[in-house]
Amino acid sequence: MKKKLFLNLIFIAIVAVSLMPWIPIGLGQY
């Protein structure tokens, strides 16, 4: 159970890092 939560946190962190460069671009379009 704890391991699955840990893997979920890693997955969320990876997604957040890959989306981070796009956030200012998305905000800049408005």
Protein backbone atom coordinates (compact mmCIF):
# COMPACT_ATOMS: atom_id res chain seq x y z
CA MET A 1 0.00 0.00 0.00
CA LYS A 2 2.72 2.44 1.00
CA LYS A 3 4.81 1.49 -2.04
CA LYS A 4 1.93 2.24 -4.39
CA LEU A 5 1.43 5.66 -2.80
CA PHE A 6 5.15 6.32 -3.21
CA LEU A 7 5.01 5.35 -6.89
CA ASN A 8 2.01 7.64 -7.36
CA LEU A 9 3.95 10.53 -5.83
CA ILE A 10 6.89 9.88 -8.17
CA PHE A 11 4.51 9.77 -11.15
CA ILE A 12 2.86 13.05 -10.14
CA ALA A 13 6.28 14.65 -9.65
CA ILE A 14 7.41 13.56 -13.14
CA VAL A 15 4.20 14.88 -14.71
CA ALA A 16 4.52 18.17 -12.84
CA VAL A 17 8.13 18.61 -13.95
CA SER A 18 7.29 17.86 -17.59
CA LEU A 19 4.35 20.29 -17.55
CA MET A 20 6.19 23.07 -15.71
CA PRO A 21 7.85 24.68 -18.79
CA TRP A 22 4.43 24.88 -20.48
CA ILE A 23 2.65 26.69 -17.64
CA PRO A 24 4.15 30.17 -18.34
CA ILE A 25 3.54 29.69 -22.07
CA GLY A 26 -0.12 28.82 -21.42
CA LEU A 27 -0.56 31.82 -19.13
CA GLY A 28 1.17 34.08 -21.64
CA GLN A 29 -1.41 33.24 -24.30
CA TYR A 30 -4.24 34.94 -22.40
